[in-house]
Amino acid sequence: MCFCILEPKASLRTIKSLSRKLGFQSYDFDPQENHHITTLWTSEVSLSKFHYDDQVVSYEAHHASSGKKIFLSFIYAACSKHARRRIWDVLLSHNSFIKDPWLVGGDFNVISSWNEKRGGRHLDDGSMLEFNSFIIQSGLIDLSSADPGLSWSNNQQGSRRIYKKLDRIFMNSEALLQMPRIKTSYLPRVQSDHMPILISLEQSGPIKSSFKFQRMWTDHEDFLGIVKKSWLEVSHLNGLINLQIKLTHLRKALALWNRSSFGNVDSRIEEHLSNVQQLDEDLTKGWDEKNFNDLQTEQNHLAEEKVPSSRG
């Protein structure tokens, strides 16, 4: 798994701590090279950086078990049309030698048509023409074109509110041939002005629900009592088998206690995310103060939900 954060606004120490807490074994963040792009990845892949500047960071990635190779380029585009030209030049240079699957994604800070903007004035300095010319010249395929989501908002109210499709994922023809099931989806915008993008390389089946330890449990006055009562139950077994039985019983006891004391946290989060996505989509069709207030309420609910601290 690979995870890219744009404009993290964080120190190297914070990024290192975040990487560990999220379960990633490696990270790449050098404020001297590019303080806008941070990359995290797990041990199942290895990344080797072959290009970086203030707007583009590119890697050659290898999957440990399959040995497959893929190139990745992450983009954080400048506001200036003239500065963005350096992105097109870099990517066209990459395109001349990359023969393996290649994914290019991030914040391009430009739209390709007026259909990708809601609100504000229709002023263009030629950026759309240059962007579309790059797409044609490179031959890259816009994976995000089928998704009508407008990935960025200025989060203003009323007539000042603007939506644009600034974030997208491209792939080359080799990626299309080798990864025919690849798809992208915009995730709900919660505490950012941009929507996250999820890239799925393979279709997967249902995932069995796993036990999650919630940090909020430790603040509850009954927590230690539940743990102690479960742990003192006699299993009449010894050694590691006894330990396994005790851990299994403790997981079940905590899961039942969690449902009765806190409700289903995951279900609440999913419900809030679904509401955020629907309300945000409704606002792209027209301003509605009630929808805006409801959106802020749902976003606040999500921010208040506790994040699991570990997974068993």
C-alpha atoms as a PDB file:
ATOM      1  CA  MET A   1       0.000   0.000   0.000  1.00  0.00           C
ATOM      2  CA  CYS A   2       1.158   3.513  -0.814  1.00  0.00           C
ATOM      3  CA  PHE A   3      -0.300   6.734   0.614  1.00  0.00           C
ATOM      4  CA  CYS A   4       0.409  10.293  -0.512  1.00  0.00           C
ATOM      5  CA  ILE A   5      -0.382  13.447   1.491  1.00  0.00           C
ATOM      6  CA  LEU A   6      -0.348  16.808  -0.268  1.00  0.00           C
ATOM      7  CA  GLU A   7       0.422  19.974   1.669  1.00  0.00           C
ATOM      8  CA  PRO A   8       0.806  18.181   5.031  1.00  0.00           C
ATOM      9  CA  LYS A   9       1.776  21.381   6.918  1.00  0.00           C
ATOM     10  CA  ALA A  10       3.675  19.248   9.414  1.00  0.00           C
ATOM     11  CA  SER A  11       7.193  18.785  10.718  1.00  0.00           C
ATOM     12  CA  LEU A  12       9.412  15.826   9.900  1.00  0.00           C
ATOM     13  CA  ARG A  13       8.891  14.541  13.437  1.00  0.00           C
ATOM     14  CA  THR A  14       5.098  14.672  13.043  1.00  0.00           C
ATOM     15  CA  ILE A  15       5.243  12.850   9.692  1.00  0.00           C
ATOM     16  CA  LYS A  16       7.431  10.137  11.207  1.00  0.00           C
ATOM     17  CA  SER A  17       4.987   9.688  14.097  1.00  0.00           C
ATOM     18  CA  LEU A  18       1.971   9.661  11.743  1.00  0.00           C
ATOM     19  CA  SER A  19       3.589   7.043   9.526  1.00  0.00           C
ATOM     20  CA  ARG A  20       4.121   4.744  12.487  1.00  0.00           C
ATOM     21  CA  LYS A  21       0.614   5.222  13.897  1.00  0.00           C
ATOM     22  CA  LEU A  22      -1.001   4.470  10.530  1.00  0.00           C
ATOM     23  CA  GLY A  23       0.998   1.254  10.147  1.00  0.00           C
ATOM     24  CA  PHE A  24       3.366   2.348   7.366  1.00  0.00           C
ATOM     25  CA  GLN A  25       6.953   1.120   7.548  1.00  0.00           C
ATOM     26  CA  SER A  26       8.544   3.781   5.323  1.00  0.00           C
ATOM     27  CA  TYR A  27       8.051   7.432   4.457  1.00  0.00           C
ATOM     28  CA  ASP A  28       9.579  10.080   2.221  1.00  0.00           C
ATOM     29  CA  PHE A  29       9.363  13.676   3.356  1.00  0.00           C
ATOM     30  CA  ASP A  30      12.206  16.150   3.002  1.00  0.00           C
ATOM     31  CA  PRO A  31      11.207  19.786   3.555  1.00  0.00           C
ATOM     32  CA  GLN A  32      14.380  20.873   1.777  1.00  0.00           C
ATOM     33  CA  GLU A  33      13.354  19.039  -1.400  1.00  0.00           C
ATOM     34  CA  ASN A  34       9.562  19.397  -1.423  1.00  0.00           C
ATOM     35  CA  HIS A  35       7.507  20.316   1.639  1.00  0.00           C
ATOM     36  CA  HIS A  36       4.223  19.912  -0.275  1.00  0.00           C
ATOM     37  CA  ILE A  37       4.368  16.153  -0.972  1.00  0.00           C
ATOM     38  CA  THR A  38       4.685  13.338   1.589  1.00  0.00           C
ATOM     39  CA  THR A  39       4.693   9.645   0.654  1.00  0.00           C
ATOM     40  CA  LEU A  40       4.104   6.724   3.016  1.00  0.00           C
ATOM     41  CA  TRP A  41       4.272   3.029   2.122  1.00  0.00           C
ATOM     42  CA  THR A  42       4.136  -0.441   3.672  1.00  0.00           C
ATOM     43  CA  SER A  43       6.736  -3.206   3.499  1.00  0.00           C
ATOM     44  CA  GLU A  44       4.891  -4.993   0.683  1.00  0.00           C
ATOM     45  CA  VAL A  45       6.264  -2.397  -1.749  1.00  0.00           C
ATOM     46  CA  SER A  46       9.613  -0.663  -2.187  1.00  0.00           C
ATOM     47  CA  LEU A  47       9.939   2.844  -3.627  1.00  0.00           C
ATOM     48  CA  SER A  48      12.958   4.417  -5.270  1.00  0.00           C
ATOM     49  CA  LYS A  49      12.766   8.143  -6.000  1.00  0.00           C
ATOM     50  CA  PHE A  50      14.186   9.188  -9.360  1.00  0.00           C
ATOM     51  CA  HIS A  51      12.857  12.757  -9.660  1.00  0.00           C
ATOM     52  CA  TYR A  52      11.804  15.563  -7.366  1.00  0.00           C
ATOM     53  CA  ASP A  53      11.218  19.291  -7.575  1.00  0.00           C
ATOM     54  CA  ASP A  54       8.800  21.708  -5.917  1.00  0.00           C
ATOM     55  CA  GLN A  55       5.784  20.374  -7.867  1.00  0.00           C
ATOM     56  CA  VAL A  56       6.536  16.760  -8.873  1.00  0.00           C
ATOM     57  CA  VAL A  57       7.905  13.733  -7.004  1.00  0.00           C
ATOM     58  CA  SER A  58       8.337  10.491  -8.985  1.00  0.00           C
ATOM     59  CA  TYR A  59       9.161   6.944  -7.887  1.00  0.00           C
ATOM     60  CA  GLU A  60       9.871   3.535  -9.333  1.00  0.00           C
ATOM     61  CA  ALA A  61       7.892   1.069  -7.220  1.00  0.00           C
ATOM     62  CA  HIS A  62       8.283  -2.718  -6.899  1.00  0.00           C
ATOM     63  CA  HIS A  63       5.781  -5.098  -5.338  1.00  0.00           C
ATOM     64  CA  ALA A  64       7.631  -7.489  -3.022  1.00  0.00           C
ATOM     65  CA  SER A  65       5.676 -10.712  -3.605  1.00  0.00           C
ATOM     66  CA  SER A  66       4.768 -10.396  -7.303  1.00  0.00           C
ATOM     67  CA  GLY A  67       7.886  -8.528  -8.455  1.00  0.00           C
ATOM     68  CA  LYS A  68       5.711  -6.210 -10.552  1.00  0.00           C
ATOM     69  CA  LYS A  69       7.015  -2.731 -11.311  1.00  0.00           C
ATOM     70  CA  ILE A  70       5.038   0.490 -11.548  1.00  0.00           C
ATOM     71  CA  PHE A  71       6.025   4.142 -11.812  1.00  0.00           C
ATOM     72  CA  LEU A  72       4.318   6.768  -9.657  1.00  0.00           C
ATOM     73  CA  SER A  73       4.314  10.561 -10.006  1.00  0.00           C
ATOM     74  CA  PHE A  74       2.646  12.757  -7.394  1.00  0.00           C
ATOM     75  CA  ILE A  75       1.701  16.331  -8.291  1.00  0.00           C
ATOM     76  CA  TYR A  76       1.226  19.492  -6.244  1.00  0.00           C
ATOM     77  CA  ALA A  77       0.792  22.185  -8.880  1.00  0.00           C
ATOM     78  CA  ALA A  78       1.522  25.876  -8.450  1.00  0.00           C
ATOM     79  CA  CYS A  79      -1.166  28.523  -8.928  1.00  0.00           C
ATOM     80  CA  SER A  80       0.733  30.152 -11.786  1.00  0.00           C
ATOM     81  CA  LYS A  81       0.192  28.956 -15.345  1.00  0.00           C
ATOM     82  CA  HIS A  82       3.839  29.665 -16.125  1.00  0.00           C
ATOM     83  CA  ALA A  83       5.067  27.627 -13.139  1.00  0.00           C
ATOM     84  CA  ARG A  84       2.797  24.706 -14.096  1.00  0.00           C
ATOM     85  CA  ARG A  85       4.506  24.480 -17.485  1.00  0.00           C
ATOM     86  CA  ARG A  86       7.441  22.882 -15.692  1.00  0.00           C
ATOM     87  CA  ILE A  87       5.115  20.037 -14.647  1.00  0.00           C
ATOM     88  CA  TRP A  88       4.087  19.337 -18.224  1.00  0.00           C
ATOM     89  CA  ASP A  89       7.738  19.368 -19.311  1.00  0.00           C
ATOM     90  CA  VAL A  90       8.786  16.967 -16.538  1.00  0.00           C
ATOM     91  CA  LEU A  91       5.935  14.537 -17.196  1.00  0.00           C
ATOM     92  CA  LEU A  92       6.505  14.559 -20.950  1.00  0.00           C
ATOM     93  CA  SER A  93      10.165  13.793 -20.251  1.00  0.00           C
ATOM     94  CA  HIS A  94       9.125  10.862 -18.016  1.00  0.00           C
ATOM     95  CA  ASN A  95       6.741   9.697 -20.733  1.00  0.00           C
ATOM     96  CA  SER A  96       9.604   9.377 -23.206  1.00  0.00           C
ATOM     97  CA  PHE A  97      11.343   6.592 -21.246  1.00  0.00           C
ATOM     98  CA  ILE A  98       8.684   4.950 -19.023  1.00  0.00           C
ATOM     99  CA  LYS A  99       7.525   1.749 -20.711  1.00  0.00           C
ATOM    100  CA  ASP A 100       5.987   0.114 -17.633  1.00  0.00           C
ATOM    101  CA  PRO A 101       2.668   0.967 -15.931  1.00  0.00           C
ATOM    102  CA  TRP A 102       2.650   4.584 -14.750  1.00  0.00           C
ATOM    103  CA  LEU A 103       0.184   6.446 -12.543  1.00  0.00           C
ATOM    104  CA  VAL A 104       0.202  10.245 -12.268  1.00  0.00           C
ATOM    105  CA  GLY A 105      -1.997  11.898  -9.670  1.00  0.00           C
ATOM    106  CA  GLY A 106      -2.529  14.800  -7.343  1.00  0.00           C
ATOM    107  CA  ASP A 107      -3.610  18.428  -7.327  1.00  0.00           C
ATOM    108  CA  PHE A 108      -3.133  19.842 -10.841  1.00  0.00           C
ATOM    109  CA  ASN A 109      -4.645  23.202  -9.887  1.00  0.00           C
ATOM    110  CA  VAL A 110      -6.355  23.539 -13.259  1.00  0.00           C
ATOM    111  CA  ILE A 111      -9.618  22.359 -14.839  1.00  0.00           C
ATOM    112  CA  SER A 112      -9.992  20.895 -18.311  1.00  0.00           C
ATOM    113  CA  SER A 113     -13.425  22.421 -19.085  1.00  0.00           C
ATOM    114  CA  TRP A 114     -16.004  24.758 -17.577  1.00  0.00           C
ATOM    115  CA  ASN A 115     -18.095  21.694 -16.676  1.00  0.00           C
ATOM    116  CA  GLU A 116     -15.530  21.114 -13.930  1.00  0.00           C
ATOM    117  CA  LYS A 117     -16.369  24.332 -12.091  1.00  0.00           C
ATOM    118  CA  ARG A 118     -19.381  25.590 -10.120  1.00  0.00           C
ATOM    119  CA  GLY A 119     -19.639  29.158  -8.883  1.00  0.00           C
ATOM    120  CA  GLY A 120     -17.327  32.099  -9.409  1.00  0.00           C
ATOM    121  CA  ARG A 121     -16.492  33.807 -12.668  1.00  0.00           C
ATOM    122  CA  HIS A 122     -15.471  32.083 -15.901  1.00  0.00           C
ATOM    123  CA  LEU A 123     -12.043  33.579 -16.434  1.00  0.00           C
ATOM    124  CA  ASP A 124      -9.340  31.639 -18.254  1.00  0.00           C
ATOM    125  CA  ASP A 125      -5.750  32.735 -18.897  1.00  0.00           C
ATOM    126  CA  GLY A 126      -5.105  29.889 -21.343  1.00  0.00           C
ATOM    127  CA  SER A 127      -4.451  27.317 -18.608  1.00  0.00           C
ATOM    128  CA  MET A 128      -7.182  24.958 -19.820  1.00  0.00           C
ATOM    129  CA  LEU A 129      -5.769  24.916 -23.347  1.00  0.00           C
ATOM    130  CA  GLU A 130      -2.255  24.145 -22.086  1.00  0.00           C
ATOM    131  CA  PHE A 131      -3.568  21.414 -19.773  1.00  0.00           C
ATOM    132  CA  ASN A 132      -5.601  19.754 -22.512  1.00  0.00           C
ATOM    133  CA  SER A 133      -2.670  20.030 -24.919  1.00  0.00           C
ATOM    134  CA  PHE A 134      -0.489  18.215 -22.386  1.00  0.00           C
ATOM    135  CA  ILE A 135      -3.079  15.439 -21.982  1.00  0.00           C
ATOM    136  CA  ILE A 136      -3.266  14.925 -25.745  1.00  0.00           C
ATOM    137  CA  GLN A 137       0.494  15.083 -26.235  1.00  0.00           C
ATOM    138  CA  SER A 138       1.245  12.663 -23.393  1.00  0.00           C
ATOM    139  CA  GLY A 139      -1.444  10.155 -24.346  1.00  0.00           C
ATOM    140  CA  LEU A 140      -2.293   9.702 -20.664  1.00  0.00           C
ATOM    141  CA  ILE A 141      -5.760   8.458 -19.740  1.00  0.00           C
ATOM    142  CA  ASP A 142      -7.767  10.392 -17.158  1.00  0.00           C
ATOM    143  CA  LEU A 143      -9.083   7.778 -14.727  1.00  0.00           C
ATOM    144  CA  SER A 144     -11.127  10.435 -12.953  1.00  0.00           C
ATOM    145  CA  SER A 145     -13.049  11.524 -16.045  1.00  0.00           C
ATOM    146  CA  ALA A 146     -15.979   9.198 -15.330  1.00  0.00           C
ATOM    147  CA  ASP A 147     -16.424  10.606 -11.820  1.00  0.00           C
ATOM    148  CA  PRO A 148     -18.429  13.863 -11.796  1.00  0.00           C
ATOM    149  CA  GLY A 149     -17.078  14.825  -8.367  1.00  0.00           C
ATOM    150  CA  LEU A 150     -15.703  18.357  -7.989  1.00  0.00           C
ATOM    151  CA  SER A 151     -12.742  17.649  -5.752  1.00  0.00           C
ATOM    152  CA  TRP A 152     -11.978  21.117  -4.373  1.00  0.00           C
ATOM    153  CA  SER A 153     -14.037  23.759  -2.615  1.00  0.00           C
ATOM    154  CA  ASN A 154     -13.106  27.144  -1.204  1.00  0.00           C
ATOM    155  CA  ASN A 155     -15.527  26.369   1.657  1.00  0.00           C
ATOM    156  CA  GLN A 156     -17.149  29.805   1.419  1.00  0.00           C
ATOM    157  CA  GLN A 157     -20.850  30.488   1.872  1.00  0.00           C
ATOM    158  CA  GLY A 158     -23.558  31.652  -0.502  1.00  0.00           C
ATOM    159  CA  SER A 159     -22.575  33.095  -3.879  1.00  0.00           C
ATOM    160  CA  ARG A 160     -18.896  33.092  -2.860  1.00  0.00           C
ATOM    161  CA  ARG A 161     -18.770  29.282  -2.722  1.00  0.00           C
ATOM    162  CA  ILE A 162     -16.767  27.699  -5.553  1.00  0.00           C
ATOM    163  CA  TYR A 163     -16.205  24.074  -6.565  1.00  0.00           C
ATOM    164  CA  LYS A 164     -13.582  22.808  -9.027  1.00  0.00           C
ATOM    165  CA  LYS A 165     -12.214  19.489 -10.204  1.00  0.00           C
ATOM    166  CA  LEU A 166      -8.525  20.066  -9.468  1.00  0.00           C
ATOM    167  CA  ASP A 167      -7.509  16.581  -8.317  1.00  0.00           C
ATOM    168  CA  ARG A 168      -7.300  13.619 -10.674  1.00  0.00           C
ATOM    169  CA  ILE A 169      -5.434  10.439 -11.580  1.00  0.00           C
ATOM    170  CA  PHE A 170      -3.904   9.662 -14.978  1.00  0.00           C
ATOM    171  CA  MET A 171      -2.428   6.401 -16.238  1.00  0.00           C
ATOM    172  CA  ASN A 172      -0.530   5.364 -19.337  1.00  0.00           C
ATOM    173  CA  SER A 173      -1.654   2.713 -21.820  1.00  0.00           C
ATOM    174  CA  GLU A 174       0.610   0.059 -20.268  1.00  0.00           C
ATOM    175  CA  ALA A 175      -1.149   0.503 -16.930  1.00  0.00           C
ATOM    176  CA  LEU A 176      -4.499   0.051 -18.672  1.00  0.00           C
ATOM    177  CA  LEU A 177      -3.282  -3.189 -20.259  1.00  0.00           C
ATOM    178  CA  GLN A 178      -1.738  -4.673 -17.123  1.00  0.00           C
ATOM    179  CA  MET A 179      -4.290  -3.386 -14.588  1.00  0.00           C
ATOM    180  CA  PRO A 180      -7.682  -3.524 -16.346  1.00  0.00           C
ATOM    181  CA  ARG A 181      -9.570  -3.505 -13.030  1.00  0.00           C
ATOM    182  CA  ILE A 182      -8.019  -0.298 -11.756  1.00  0.00           C
ATOM    183  CA  LYS A 183     -10.482   2.341 -10.621  1.00  0.00           C
ATOM    184  CA  THR A 184     -10.489   5.574  -8.666  1.00  0.00           C
ATOM    185  CA  SER A 185     -13.070   7.127  -6.374  1.00  0.00           C
ATOM    186  CA  TYR A 186     -13.343  10.451  -4.595  1.00  0.00           C
ATOM    187  CA  LEU A 187     -13.804  10.134  -0.838  1.00  0.00           C
ATOM    188  CA  PRO A 188     -15.856  12.611   1.228  1.00  0.00           C
ATOM    189  CA  ARG A 189     -14.244  15.961   1.999  1.00  0.00           C
ATOM    190  CA  VAL A 190     -14.108  16.177   5.808  1.00  0.00           C
ATOM    191  CA  GLN A 191     -11.430  18.494   7.242  1.00  0.00           C
ATOM    192  CA  SER A 192      -9.808  19.694   4.036  1.00  0.00           C
ATOM    193  CA  ASP A 193     -10.725  21.777   1.015  1.00  0.00           C
ATOM    194  CA  HIS A 194      -9.791  18.789  -1.196  1.00  0.00           C
ATOM    195  CA  MET A 195     -11.358  15.349  -1.573  1.00  0.00           C
ATOM    196  CA  PRO A 196      -9.017  12.378  -1.024  1.00  0.00           C
ATOM    197  CA  ILE A 197      -8.721   9.987  -3.983  1.00  0.00           C
ATOM    198  CA  LEU A 198      -8.688   6.218  -3.491  1.00  0.00           C
ATOM    199  CA  ILE A 199      -6.987   4.095  -6.157  1.00  0.00           C
ATOM    200  CA  SER A 200      -7.955   0.406  -6.257  1.00  0.00           C
ATOM    201  CA  LEU A 201      -5.724  -1.758  -8.439  1.00  0.00           C
ATOM    202  CA  GLU A 202      -7.671  -4.980  -7.962  1.00  0.00           C
ATOM    203  CA  GLN A 203     -11.245  -5.829  -7.087  1.00  0.00           C
ATOM    204  CA  SER A 204     -11.473  -7.463  -3.694  1.00  0.00           C
ATOM    205  CA  GLY A 205     -14.109  -9.505  -1.944  1.00  0.00           C
ATOM    206  CA  PRO A 206     -15.812  -8.700   1.344  1.00  0.00           C
ATOM    207  CA  ILE A 207     -13.418  -8.039   4.204  1.00  0.00           C
ATOM    208  CA  LYS A 208     -14.133  -9.818   7.462  1.00  0.00           C
ATOM    209  CA  SER A 209     -14.705  -7.401  10.310  1.00  0.00           C
ATOM    210  CA  SER A 210     -11.724  -7.256  12.684  1.00  0.00           C
ATOM    211  CA  PHE A 211     -11.408  -6.350  16.336  1.00  0.00           C
ATOM    212  CA  LYS A 212     -10.412  -2.733  16.949  1.00  0.00           C
ATOM    213  CA  PHE A 213      -9.152  -1.392  20.228  1.00  0.00           C
ATOM    214  CA  GLN A 214     -10.644   2.043  20.835  1.00  0.00           C
ATOM    215  CA  ARG A 215      -8.534   4.530  22.777  1.00  0.00           C
ATOM    216  CA  MET A 216     -11.707   6.085  24.194  1.00  0.00           C
ATOM    217  CA  TRP A 217     -12.341   2.878  26.184  1.00  0.00           C
ATOM    218  CA  THR A 218      -9.470   3.649  28.555  1.00  0.00           C
ATOM    219  CA  ASP A 219     -11.226   6.856  29.656  1.00  0.00           C
ATOM    220  CA  HIS A 220     -14.322   4.960  30.784  1.00  0.00           C
ATOM    221  CA  GLU A 221     -14.624   4.126  34.481  1.00  0.00           C
ATOM    222  CA  ASP A 222     -15.778   0.546  33.752  1.00  0.00           C
ATOM    223  CA  PHE A 223     -12.920  -0.338  31.390  1.00  0.00           C
ATOM    224  CA  LEU A 224     -10.435  -1.797  33.882  1.00  0.00           C
ATOM    225  CA  GLY A 225     -13.189  -3.744  35.605  1.00  0.00           C
ATOM    226  CA  ILE A 226     -14.266  -5.370  32.312  1.00  0.00           C
ATOM    227  CA  VAL A 227     -10.658  -6.328  31.518  1.00  0.00           C
ATOM    228  CA  LYS A 228      -9.992  -7.693  35.017  1.00  0.00           C
ATOM    229  CA  LYS A 229     -13.197  -9.736  35.142  1.00  0.00           C
ATOM    230  CA  SER A 230     -12.521 -11.305  31.729  1.00  0.00           C
ATOM    231  CA  TRP A 231      -8.867 -11.994  32.455  1.00  0.00           C
ATOM    232  CA  LEU A 232      -9.567 -13.734  35.777  1.00  0.00           C
ATOM    233  CA  GLU A 233     -11.908 -16.266  34.172  1.00  0.00           C
ATOM    234  CA  VAL A 234     -10.486 -19.769  34.607  1.00  0.00           C
ATOM    235  CA  SER A 235      -9.725 -21.650  31.359  1.00  0.00           C
ATOM    236  CA  HIS A 236      -8.194 -24.835  32.904  1.00  0.00           C
ATOM    237  CA  LEU A 237      -5.443 -24.680  30.267  1.00  0.00           C
ATOM    238  CA  ASN A 238      -1.773 -23.743  30.415  1.00  0.00           C
ATOM    239  CA  GLY A 239       0.885 -21.876  28.447  1.00  0.00           C
ATOM    240  CA  LEU A 240       0.229 -20.198  25.125  1.00  0.00           C
ATOM    241  CA  ILE A 241      -3.109 -21.955  24.671  1.00  0.00           C
ATOM    242  CA  ASN A 242      -4.306 -20.398  27.930  1.00  0.00           C
ATOM    243  CA  LEU A 243      -3.115 -16.962  26.750  1.00  0.00           C
ATOM    244  CA  GLN A 244      -4.900 -17.362  23.412  1.00  0.00           C
ATOM    245  CA  ILE A 245      -8.148 -18.366  25.125  1.00  0.00           C
ATOM    246  CA  LYS A 246      -7.954 -15.390  27.512  1.00  0.00           C
ATOM    247  CA  LEU A 247      -7.314 -12.930  24.659  1.00  0.00           C
ATOM    248  CA  THR A 248     -10.249 -14.364  22.681  1.00  0.00           C
ATOM    249  CA  HIS A 249     -12.570 -14.017  25.669  1.00  0.00           C
ATOM    250  CA  LEU A 250     -11.320 -10.473  26.332  1.00  0.00           C
ATOM    251  CA  ARG A 251     -11.964  -9.427  22.738  1.00  0.00           C
ATOM    252  CA  LYS A 252     -15.514 -10.734  22.912  1.00  0.00           C
ATOM    253  CA  ALA A 253     -16.136  -9.073  26.285  1.00  0.00           C
ATOM    254  CA  LEU A 254     -14.826  -5.702  25.070  1.00  0.00           C
ATOM    255  CA  ALA A 255     -16.796  -5.932  21.817  1.00  0.00           C
ATOM    256  CA  LEU A 256     -20.061  -6.593  23.695  1.00  0.00           C
ATOM    257  CA  TRP A 257     -19.306  -3.839  26.231  1.00  0.00           C
ATOM    258  CA  ASN A 258     -18.480  -1.407  23.413  1.00  0.00           C
ATOM    259  CA  ARG A 259     -21.824  -2.007  21.681  1.00  0.00           C
ATOM    260  CA  SER A 260     -23.784  -1.558  24.893  1.00  0.00           C
ATOM    261  CA  SER A 261     -21.832   1.462  26.162  1.00  0.00           C
ATOM    262  CA  PHE A 262     -20.829   3.346  23.010  1.00  0.00           C
ATOM    263  CA  GLY A 263     -22.854   1.895  20.159  1.00  0.00           C
ATOM    264  CA  ASN A 264     -21.245   0.860  16.872  1.00  0.00           C
ATOM    265  CA  VAL A 265     -18.537   3.466  16.187  1.00  0.00           C
ATOM    266  CA  ASP A 266     -17.774   2.180  12.688  1.00  0.00           C
ATOM    267  CA  SER A 267     -21.422   2.361  11.661  1.00  0.00           C
ATOM    268  CA  ARG A 268     -21.711   5.913  12.964  1.00  0.00           C
ATOM    269  CA  ILE A 269     -18.589   6.968  11.054  1.00  0.00           C
ATOM    270  CA  GLU A 270     -19.890   5.380   7.836  1.00  0.00           C
ATOM    271  CA  GLU A 271     -23.214   7.140   8.275  1.00  0.00           C
ATOM    272  CA  HIS A 272     -21.536  10.525   8.857  1.00  0.00           C
ATOM    273  CA  LEU A 273     -19.275  10.033   5.814  1.00  0.00           C
ATOM    274  CA  SER A 274     -22.253   9.171   3.628  1.00  0.00           C
ATOM    275  CA  ASN A 275     -24.106  12.272   4.843  1.00  0.00           C
ATOM    276  CA  VAL A 276     -21.072  14.499   4.217  1.00  0.00           C
ATOM    277  CA  GLN A 277     -20.735  13.190   0.676  1.00  0.00           C
ATOM    278  CA  GLN A 278     -24.424  13.687  -0.145  1.00  0.00           C
ATOM    279  CA  LEU A 279     -24.653  17.169   1.387  1.00  0.00           C
ATOM    280  CA  ASP A 280     -21.478  18.302  -0.355  1.00  0.00           C
ATOM    281  CA  GLU A 281     -22.785  16.985  -3.669  1.00  0.00           C
ATOM    282  CA  ASP A 282     -26.110  18.798  -3.129  1.00  0.00           C
ATOM    283  CA  LEU A 283     -24.247  22.071  -2.542  1.00  0.00           C
ATOM    284  CA  THR A 284     -22.484  21.760  -5.914  1.00  0.00           C
ATOM    285  CA  LYS A 285     -25.948  22.032  -7.511  1.00  0.00           C
ATOM    286  CA  GLY A 286     -26.862  25.226  -5.708  1.00  0.00           C
ATOM    287  CA  TRP A 287     -26.445  27.102  -2.449  1.00  0.00           C
ATOM    288  CA  ASP A 288     -28.658  26.049   0.430  1.00  0.00           C
ATOM    289  CA  GLU A 289     -27.936  27.374   3.917  1.00  0.00           C
ATOM    290  CA  LYS A 290     -29.583  24.412   5.639  1.00  0.00           C
ATOM    291  CA  ASN A 291     -27.453  21.945   3.648  1.00  0.00           C
ATOM    292  CA  PHE A 292     -24.357  23.965   4.496  1.00  0.00           C
ATOM    293  CA  ASN A 293     -25.148  23.967   8.222  1.00  0.00           C
ATOM    294  CA  ASP A 294     -25.962  20.249   8.129  1.00  0.00           C
ATOM    295  CA  LEU A 295     -22.660  19.603   6.327  1.00  0.00           C
ATOM    296  CA  GLN A 296     -20.704  21.427   9.017  1.00  0.00           C
ATOM    297  CA  THR A 297     -22.559  19.482  11.713  1.00  0.00           C
ATOM    298  CA  GLU A 298     -21.726  16.137  10.085  1.00  0.00           C
ATOM    299  CA  GLN A 299     -18.077  17.142   9.630  1.00  0.00           C
ATOM    300  CA  ASN A 300     -17.894  18.111  13.298  1.00  0.00           C
ATOM    301  CA  HIS A 301     -19.388  14.752  14.299  1.00  0.00           C
ATOM    302  CA  LEU A 302     -16.654  12.988  12.316  1.00  0.00           C
ATOM    303  CA  ALA A 303     -13.927  15.092  13.910  1.00  0.00           C
ATOM    304  CA  GLU A 304     -15.274  14.200  17.367  1.00  0.00           C
ATOM    305  CA  GLU A 305     -15.268  10.456  16.744  1.00  0.00           C
ATOM    306  CA  LYS A 306     -12.249   8.759  18.334  1.00  0.00           C
ATOM    307  CA  VAL A 307      -9.757   7.066  16.008  1.00  0.00           C
ATOM    308  CA  PRO A 308      -8.790   3.456  16.848  1.00  0.00           C
ATOM    309  CA  SER A 309      -5.302   3.347  18.352  1.00  0.00           C
ATOM    310  CA  SER A 310      -4.485  -0.259  17.442  1.00  0.00           C
ATOM    311  CA  ARG A 311      -5.890  -3.275  15.687  1.00  0.00           C
ATOM    312  CA  GLY A 312      -5.924  -6.869  16.816  1.00  0.00           C
END
